[in-house]
Amino acid sequence: MTTCVFVQIRCTPGTTYEVAEAIALREIHSELYSTSGDFDLLMKAYVPADRDVGHFINESVAGIAGIERTLTTLTFKAF
């Protein structure tokens, strides 16, 4: 079983493509999009049930150079 999360990522200006490449190389996402608005990227990921979501984000995403902020949304049920 897994937990589906969406992570919005704000990048340092001019680093969005480098951040996206770093995420892609880690193979931690299901989908990754560039977006408009307050955040630059939207990542969909499935976190294994035995992993803490906070630790997963901190260890896998937040430490990537060029990331200023993340906003994680947990999901409950798909319709």
PDB file of N, CA and C in Angstrom:
ATOM      1  N   MET A   1       0.841  -1.174   0.000  1.00  0.00           N
ATOM      2  CA  MET A   1       0.000   0.000   0.000  1.00  0.00           C
ATOM      3  C   MET A   1       0.894   1.247   0.000  1.00  0.00           C
ATOM      4  N   THR A   2       0.407   2.298  -0.630  1.00  0.00           N
ATOM      5  CA  THR A   2       1.163   3.540  -0.713  1.00  0.00           C
ATOM      6  C   THR A   2       0.263   4.728  -0.404  1.00  0.00           C
ATOM      7  N   THR A   3       0.881   5.859  -0.121  1.00  0.00           N
ATOM      8  CA  THR A   3       0.166   7.111   0.065  1.00  0.00           C
ATOM      9  C   THR A   3       0.502   8.018  -1.102  1.00  0.00           C
ATOM     10  N   CYS A   4      -0.512   8.494  -1.797  1.00  0.00           N
ATOM     11  CA  CYS A   4      -0.301   9.413  -2.904  1.00  0.00           C
ATOM     12  C   CYS A   4      -0.193  10.829  -2.349  1.00  0.00           C
ATOM     13  N   VAL A   5       0.876  11.528  -2.722  1.00  0.00           N
ATOM     14  CA  VAL A   5       1.061  12.917  -2.298  1.00  0.00           C
ATOM     15  C   VAL A   5       1.355  13.782  -3.512  1.00  0.00           C
ATOM     16  N   PHE A   6       0.936  15.027  -3.404  1.00  0.00           N
ATOM     17  CA  PHE A   6       1.277  16.039  -4.392  1.00  0.00           C
ATOM     18  C   PHE A   6       2.176  17.047  -3.702  1.00  0.00           C
ATOM     19  N   VAL A   7       3.303  17.359  -4.327  1.00  0.00           N
ATOM     20  CA  VAL A   7       4.253  18.300  -3.746  1.00  0.00           C
ATOM     21  C   VAL A   7       4.426  19.464  -4.712  1.00  0.00           C
ATOM     22  N   GLN A   8       4.053  20.656  -4.251  1.00  0.00           N
ATOM     23  CA  GLN A   8       4.305  21.863  -5.018  1.00  0.00           C
ATOM     24  C   GLN A   8       5.688  22.366  -4.620  1.00  0.00           C
ATOM     25  N   ILE A   9       6.459  22.779  -5.606  1.00  0.00           N
ATOM     26  CA  ILE A   9       7.851  23.140  -5.364  1.00  0.00           C
ATOM     27  C   ILE A   9       8.119  24.537  -5.906  1.00  0.00           C
ATOM     28  N   ARG A  10       8.627  25.407  -5.045  1.00  0.00           N
ATOM     29  CA  ARG A  10       9.061  26.744  -5.468  1.00  0.00           C
ATOM     30  C   ARG A  10      10.575  26.706  -5.619  1.00  0.00           C
ATOM     31  N   CYS A  11      11.047  27.122  -6.770  1.00  0.00           N
ATOM     32  CA  CYS A  11      12.476  27.095  -7.076  1.00  0.00           C
ATOM     33  C   CYS A  11      13.077  28.490  -7.013  1.00  0.00           C
ATOM     34  N   THR A  12      14.368  28.540  -6.753  1.00  0.00           N
ATOM     35  CA  THR A  12      15.104  29.780  -6.882  1.00  0.00           C
ATOM     36  C   THR A  12      14.982  30.220  -8.340  1.00  0.00           C
ATOM     37  N   PRO A  13      14.742  31.508  -8.592  1.00  0.00           N
ATOM     38  CA  PRO A  13      14.591  31.956  -9.979  1.00  0.00           C
ATOM     39  C   PRO A  13      15.724  31.460 -10.879  1.00  0.00           C
ATOM     40  N   GLY A  14      15.337  30.918 -12.020  1.00  0.00           N
ATOM     41  CA  GLY A  14      16.298  30.435 -12.995  1.00  0.00           C
ATOM     42  C   GLY A  14      16.765  29.008 -12.808  1.00  0.00           C
ATOM     43  N   THR A  15      16.237  28.291 -11.797  1.00  0.00           N
ATOM     44  CA  THR A  15      16.722  26.924 -11.537  1.00  0.00           C
ATOM     45  C   THR A  15      15.670  25.841 -11.766  1.00  0.00           C
ATOM     46  N   THR A  16      14.499  26.201 -12.281  1.00  0.00           N
ATOM     47  CA  THR A  16      13.398  25.236 -12.390  1.00  0.00           C
ATOM     48  C   THR A  16      13.794  24.002 -13.185  1.00  0.00           C
ATOM     49  N   TYR A  17      14.451  24.184 -14.324  1.00  0.00           N
ATOM     50  CA  TYR A  17      14.821  23.034 -15.149  1.00  0.00           C
ATOM     51  C   TYR A  17      15.875  22.165 -14.475  1.00  0.00           C
ATOM     52  N   GLU A  18      16.791  22.773 -13.761  1.00  0.00           N
ATOM     53  CA  GLU A  18      17.798  21.992 -13.039  1.00  0.00           C
ATOM     54  C   GLU A  18      17.163  21.198 -11.904  1.00  0.00           C
ATOM     55  N   VAL A  19      16.214  21.813 -11.198  1.00  0.00           N
ATOM     56  CA  VAL A  19      15.512  21.117 -10.121  1.00  0.00           C
ATOM     57  C   VAL A  19      14.706  19.955 -10.700  1.00  0.00           C
ATOM     58  N   ALA A  20      14.000  20.194 -11.788  1.00  0.00           N
ATOM     59  CA  ALA A  20      13.212  19.130 -12.422  1.00  0.00           C
ATOM     60  C   ALA A  20      14.105  17.972 -12.844  1.00  0.00           C
ATOM     61  N   GLU A  21      15.260  18.273 -13.404  1.00  0.00           N
ATOM     62  CA  GLU A  21      16.206  17.225 -13.817  1.00  0.00           C
ATOM     63  C   GLU A  21      16.695  16.428 -12.610  1.00  0.00           C
ATOM     64  N   ALA A  22      16.993  17.109 -11.501  1.00  0.00           N
ATOM     65  CA  ALA A  22      17.456  16.421 -10.293  1.00  0.00           C
ATOM     66  C   ALA A  22      16.379  15.495  -9.741  1.00  0.00           C
ATOM     67  N   ILE A  23      15.126  15.949  -9.778  1.00  0.00           N
ATOM     68  CA  ILE A  23      14.023  15.095  -9.321  1.00  0.00           C
ATOM     69  C   ILE A  23      13.885  13.886 -10.244  1.00  0.00           C
ATOM     70  N   ALA A  24      13.931  14.129 -11.543  1.00  0.00           N
ATOM     71  CA  ALA A  24      13.788  13.031 -12.511  1.00  0.00           C
ATOM     72  C   ALA A  24      14.882  11.980 -12.329  1.00  0.00           C
ATOM     73  N   LEU A  25      16.099  12.415 -12.081  1.00  0.00           N
ATOM     74  CA  LEU A  25      17.214  11.480 -11.896  1.00  0.00           C
ATOM     75  C   LEU A  25      17.059  10.622 -10.648  1.00  0.00           C
ATOM     76  N   ARG A  26      16.356  11.134  -9.645  1.00  0.00           N
ATOM     77  CA  ARG A  26      16.143  10.369  -8.406  1.00  0.00           C
ATOM     78  C   ARG A  26      15.036   9.332  -8.550  1.00  0.00           C
ATOM     79  N   GLU A  27      14.229   9.449  -9.604  1.00  0.00           N
ATOM     80  CA  GLU A  27      13.143   8.496  -9.879  1.00  0.00           C
ATOM     81  C   GLU A  27      12.233   8.302  -8.668  1.00  0.00           C
ATOM     82  N   ILE A  28      11.816   9.400  -8.063  1.00  0.00           N
ATOM     83  CA  ILE A  28      10.955   9.342  -6.878  1.00  0.00           C
ATOM     84  C   ILE A  28       9.534   9.757  -7.178  1.00  0.00           C
ATOM     85  N   HIS A  29       9.260  10.160  -8.406  1.00  0.00           N
ATOM     86  CA  HIS A  29       7.959  10.716  -8.753  1.00  0.00           C
ATOM     87  C   HIS A  29       7.195   9.816  -9.717  1.00  0.00           C
ATOM     88  N   SER A  30       5.895  10.011  -9.701  1.00  0.00           N
ATOM     89  CA  SER A  30       5.030   9.373 -10.685  1.00  0.00           C
ATOM     90  C   SER A  30       4.836  10.307 -11.871  1.00  0.00           C
ATOM     91  N   GLU A  31       4.627  11.594 -11.559  1.00  0.00           N
ATOM     92  CA  GLU A  31       4.450  12.627 -12.577  1.00  0.00           C
ATOM     93  C   GLU A  31       5.100  13.904 -12.078  1.00  0.00           C
ATOM     94  N   LEU A  32       5.579  14.722 -13.015  1.00  0.00           N
ATOM     95  CA  LEU A  32       6.215  15.990 -12.666  1.00  0.00           C
ATOM     96  C   LEU A  32       5.863  17.011 -13.734  1.00  0.00           C
ATOM     97  N   TYR A  33       5.308  18.142 -13.306  1.00  0.00           N
ATOM     98  CA  TYR A  33       4.842  19.173 -14.229  1.00  0.00           C
ATOM     99  C   TYR A  33       5.437  20.528 -13.865  1.00  0.00           C
ATOM    100  N   SER A  34       5.676  21.365 -14.865  1.00  0.00           N
ATOM    101  CA  SER A  34       5.937  22.778 -14.601  1.00  0.00           C
ATOM    102  C   SER A  34       4.579  23.453 -14.479  1.00  0.00           C
ATOM    103  N   THR A  35       4.494  24.455 -13.622  1.00  0.00           N
ATOM    104  CA  THR A  35       3.211  25.107 -13.354  1.00  0.00           C
ATOM    105  C   THR A  35       3.382  26.624 -13.311  1.00  0.00           C
ATOM    106  N   SER A  36       2.252  27.308 -13.402  1.00  0.00           N
ATOM    107  CA  SER A  36       2.249  28.758 -13.227  1.00  0.00           C
ATOM    108  C   SER A  36       1.754  29.055 -11.815  1.00  0.00           C
ATOM    109  N   GLY A  37       1.952  30.274 -11.373  1.00  0.00           N
ATOM    110  CA  GLY A  37       1.461  30.665 -10.055  1.00  0.00           C
ATOM    111  C   GLY A  37       2.572  30.757  -9.040  1.00  0.00           C
ATOM    112  N   ASP A  38       2.225  30.508  -7.784  1.00  0.00           N
ATOM    113  CA  ASP A  38       3.171  30.668  -6.677  1.00  0.00           C
ATOM    114  C   ASP A  38       4.260  29.606  -6.645  1.00  0.00           C
ATOM    115  N   PHE A  39       4.023  28.465  -7.293  1.00  0.00           N
ATOM    116  CA  PHE A  39       4.999  27.384  -7.310  1.00  0.00           C
ATOM    117  C   PHE A  39       5.390  27.084  -8.749  1.00  0.00           C
ATOM    118  N   ASP A  40       6.573  26.510  -8.930  1.00  0.00           N
ATOM    119  CA  ASP A  40       7.126  26.281 -10.261  1.00  0.00           C
ATOM    120  C   ASP A  40       6.920  24.859 -10.771  1.00  0.00           C
ATOM    121  N   LEU A  41       6.867  23.895  -9.856  1.00  0.00           N
ATOM    122  CA  LEU A  41       6.730  22.489 -10.229  1.00  0.00           C
ATOM    123  C   LEU A  41       5.657  21.830  -9.372  1.00  0.00           C
ATOM    124  N   LEU A  42       5.027  20.823  -9.943  1.00  0.00           N
ATOM    125  CA  LEU A  42       4.067  19.991  -9.215  1.00  0.00           C
ATOM    126  C   LEU A  42       4.481  18.543  -9.411  1.00  0.00           C
ATOM    127  N   MET A  43       4.757  17.869  -8.309  1.00  0.00           N
ATOM    128  CA  MET A  43       5.198  16.484  -8.353  1.00  0.00           C
ATOM    129  C   MET A  43       4.148  15.586  -7.702  1.00  0.00           C
ATOM    130  N   LYS A  44       3.826  14.502  -8.369  1.00  0.00           N
ATOM    131  CA  LYS A  44       2.967  13.472  -7.792  1.00  0.00           C
ATOM    132  C   LYS A  44       3.863  12.287  -7.450  1.00  0.00           C
ATOM    133  N   ALA A  45       3.738  11.804  -6.225  1.00  0.00           N
ATOM    134  CA  ALA A  45       4.572  10.685  -5.792  1.00  0.00           C
ATOM    135  C   ALA A  45       3.752   9.722  -4.946  1.00  0.00           C
ATOM    136  N   TYR A  46       4.182   8.486  -4.941  1.00  0.00           N
ATOM    137  CA  TYR A  46       3.569   7.457  -4.102  1.00  0.00           C
ATOM    138  C   TYR A  46       4.588   7.061  -3.039  1.00  0.00           C
ATOM    139  N   VAL A  47       4.246   7.344  -1.791  1.00  0.00           N
ATOM    140  CA  VAL A  47       5.145   7.060  -0.675  1.00  0.00           C
ATOM    141  C   VAL A  47       4.772   5.689  -0.103  1.00  0.00           C
ATOM    142  N   PRO A  48       5.737   4.782   0.002  1.00  0.00           N
ATOM    143  CA  PRO A  48       5.437   3.467   0.565  1.00  0.00           C
ATOM    144  C   PRO A  48       4.834   3.586   1.967  1.00  0.00           C
ATOM    145  N   ALA A  49       3.936   2.677   2.294  1.00  0.00           N
ATOM    146  CA  ALA A  49       3.213   2.718   3.572  1.00  0.00           C
ATOM    147  C   ALA A  49       4.156   2.667   4.771  1.00  0.00           C
ATOM    148  N   ASP A  50       5.313   2.034   4.610  1.00  0.00           N
ATOM    149  CA  ASP A  50       6.247   1.917   5.735  1.00  0.00           C
ATOM    150  C   ASP A  50       7.171   3.127   5.881  1.00  0.00           C
ATOM    151  N   ARG A  51       6.997   4.142   5.028  1.00  0.00           N
ATOM    152  CA  ARG A  51       7.812   5.363   5.095  1.00  0.00           C
ATOM    153  C   ARG A  51       6.992   6.518   5.634  1.00  0.00           C
ATOM    154  N   ASP A  52       7.589   7.349   6.440  1.00  0.00           N
ATOM    155  CA  ASP A  52       6.957   8.562   6.932  1.00  0.00           C
ATOM    156  C   ASP A  52       6.985   9.606   5.813  1.00  0.00           C
ATOM    157  N   VAL A  53       5.841  10.202   5.516  1.00  0.00           N
ATOM    158  CA  VAL A  53       5.752  11.159   4.413  1.00  0.00           C
ATOM    159  C   VAL A  53       6.697  12.340   4.633  1.00  0.00           C
ATOM    160  N   GLY A  54       6.729  12.869   5.836  1.00  0.00           N
ATOM    161  CA  GLY A  54       7.619  13.994   6.129  1.00  0.00           C
ATOM    162  C   GLY A  54       9.078  13.666   5.893  1.00  0.00           C
ATOM    163  N   HIS A  55       9.506  12.501   6.352  1.00  0.00           N
ATOM    164  CA  HIS A  55      10.891  12.088   6.121  1.00  0.00           C
ATOM    165  C   HIS A  55      11.155  11.876   4.639  1.00  0.00           C
ATOM    166  N   PHE A  56      10.197  11.286   3.938  1.00  0.00           N
ATOM    167  CA  PHE A  56      10.352  11.054   2.499  1.00  0.00           C
ATOM    168  C   PHE A  56      10.596  12.377   1.770  1.00  0.00           C
ATOM    169  N   ILE A  57       9.768  13.388   2.065  1.00  0.00           N
ATOM    170  CA  ILE A  57       9.906  14.688   1.405  1.00  0.00           C
ATOM    171  C   ILE A  57      11.222  15.343   1.796  1.00  0.00           C
ATOM    172  N   ASN A  58      11.541  15.348   3.076  1.00  0.00           N
ATOM    173  CA  ASN A  58      12.791  15.977   3.526  1.00  0.00           C
ATOM    174  C   ASN A  58      14.026  15.298   2.953  1.00  0.00           C
ATOM    175  N   GLU A  59      14.032  13.982   2.917  1.00  0.00           N
ATOM    176  CA  GLU A  59      15.203  13.240   2.462  1.00  0.00           C
ATOM    177  C   GLU A  59      15.307  13.179   0.940  1.00  0.00           C
ATOM    178  N   SER A  60      14.175  13.126   0.252  1.00  0.00           N
ATOM    179  CA  SER A  60      14.184  12.902  -1.195  1.00  0.00           C
ATOM    180  C   SER A  60      14.045  14.171  -2.023  1.00  0.00           C
ATOM    181  N   VAL A  61      13.399  15.188  -1.480  1.00  0.00           N
ATOM    182  CA  VAL A  61      13.061  16.365  -2.278  1.00  0.00           C
ATOM    183  C   VAL A  61      13.670  17.646  -1.720  1.00  0.00           C
ATOM    184  N   ALA A  62      13.394  17.959  -0.477  1.00  0.00           N
ATOM    185  CA  ALA A  62      13.690  19.284   0.073  1.00  0.00           C
ATOM    186  C   ALA A  62      15.165  19.666   0.006  1.00  0.00           C
ATOM    187  N   GLY A  63      16.042  18.696   0.006  1.00  0.00           N
ATOM    188  CA  GLY A  63      17.472  18.993  -0.014  1.00  0.00           C
ATOM    189  C   GLY A  63      18.056  19.257  -1.392  1.00  0.00           C
ATOM    190  N   ILE A  64      17.249  19.184  -2.432  1.00  0.00           N
ATOM    191  CA  ILE A  64      17.749  19.417  -3.786  1.00  0.00           C
ATOM    192  C   ILE A  64      18.106  20.896  -3.945  1.00  0.00           C
ATOM    193  N   ALA A  65      19.289  21.165  -4.457  1.00  0.00           N
ATOM    194  CA  ALA A  65      19.734  22.542  -4.669  1.00  0.00           C
ATOM    195  C   ALA A  65      18.761  23.265  -5.600  1.00  0.00           C
ATOM    196  N   GLY A  66      18.412  24.483  -5.226  1.00  0.00           N
ATOM    197  CA  GLY A  66      17.505  25.285  -6.039  1.00  0.00           C
ATOM    198  C   GLY A  66      16.077  25.293  -5.542  1.00  0.00           C
ATOM    199  N   ILE A  67      15.756  24.455  -4.561  1.00  0.00           N
ATOM    200  CA  ILE A  67      14.405  24.439  -4.005  1.00  0.00           C
ATOM    201  C   ILE A  67      14.340  25.419  -2.839  1.00  0.00           C
ATOM    202  N   GLU A  68      13.400  26.357  -2.928  1.00  0.00           N
ATOM    203  CA  GLU A  68      13.203  27.321  -1.847  1.00  0.00           C
ATOM    204  C   GLU A  68      12.153  26.869  -0.853  1.00  0.00           C
ATOM    205  N   ARG A  69      11.096  26.212  -1.353  1.00  0.00           N
ATOM    206  CA  ARG A  69       9.966  25.847  -0.487  1.00  0.00           C
ATOM    207  C   ARG A  69       9.176  24.724  -1.129  1.00  0.00           C
ATOM    208  N   THR A  70       8.573  23.896  -0.289  1.00  0.00           N
ATOM    209  CA  THR A  70       7.652  22.870  -0.779  1.00  0.00           C
ATOM    210  C   THR A  70       6.336  22.964  -0.010  1.00  0.00           C
ATOM    211  N   LEU A  71       5.291  22.509  -0.646  1.00  0.00           N
ATOM    212  CA  LEU A  71       3.972  22.419  -0.023  1.00  0.00           C
ATOM    213  C   LEU A  71       3.404  21.059  -0.389  1.00  0.00           C
ATOM    214  N   THR A  72       3.214  20.209   0.610  1.00  0.00           N
ATOM    215  CA  THR A  72       2.771  18.836   0.373  1.00  0.00           C
ATOM    216  C   THR A  72       1.303  18.683   0.702  1.00  0.00           C
ATOM    217  N   THR A  73       0.577  18.041  -0.218  1.00  0.00           N
ATOM    218  CA  THR A  73      -0.842  17.737  -0.017  1.00  0.00           C
ATOM    219  C   THR A  73      -0.998  16.219   0.000  1.00  0.00           C
ATOM    220  N   LEU A  74      -1.534  15.698   1.113  1.00  0.00           N
ATOM    221  CA  LEU A  74      -1.802  14.261   1.223  1.00  0.00           C
ATOM    222  C   LEU A  74      -3.168  13.966   0.611  1.00  0.00           C
ATOM    223  N   THR A  75      -3.321  12.807   0.035  1.00  0.00           N
ATOM    224  CA  THR A  75      -4.599  12.408  -0.536  1.00  0.00           C
ATOM    225  C   THR A  75      -5.221  11.317   0.309  1.00  0.00           C
ATOM    226  N   PHE A  76      -6.549  11.211   0.229  1.00  0.00           N
ATOM    227  CA  PHE A  76      -7.273  10.207   0.998  1.00  0.00           C
ATOM    228  C   PHE A  76      -7.993   9.205   0.120  1.00  0.00           C
ATOM    229  N   LYS A  77      -8.799   9.674  -0.834  1.00  0.00           N
ATOM    230  CA  LYS A  77      -9.575   8.768  -1.656  1.00  0.00           C
ATOM    231  C   LYS A  77      -9.708   9.334  -3.053  1.00  0.00           C
ATOM    232  N   ALA A  78      -9.531   8.466  -4.053  1.00  0.00           N
ATOM    233  CA  ALA A  78      -9.729   8.879  -5.443  1.00  0.00           C
ATOM    234  C   ALA A  78     -11.171   8.573  -5.834  1.00  0.00           C
ATOM    235  N   PHE A  79     -11.763   9.450  -6.577  1.00  0.00           N
ATOM    236  CA  PHE A  79     -13.143   9.263  -7.027  1.00  0.00           C
ATOM    237  C   PHE A  79     -13.185   9.039  -8.522  1.00  0.00           C
TER     238      PHE A  79
END
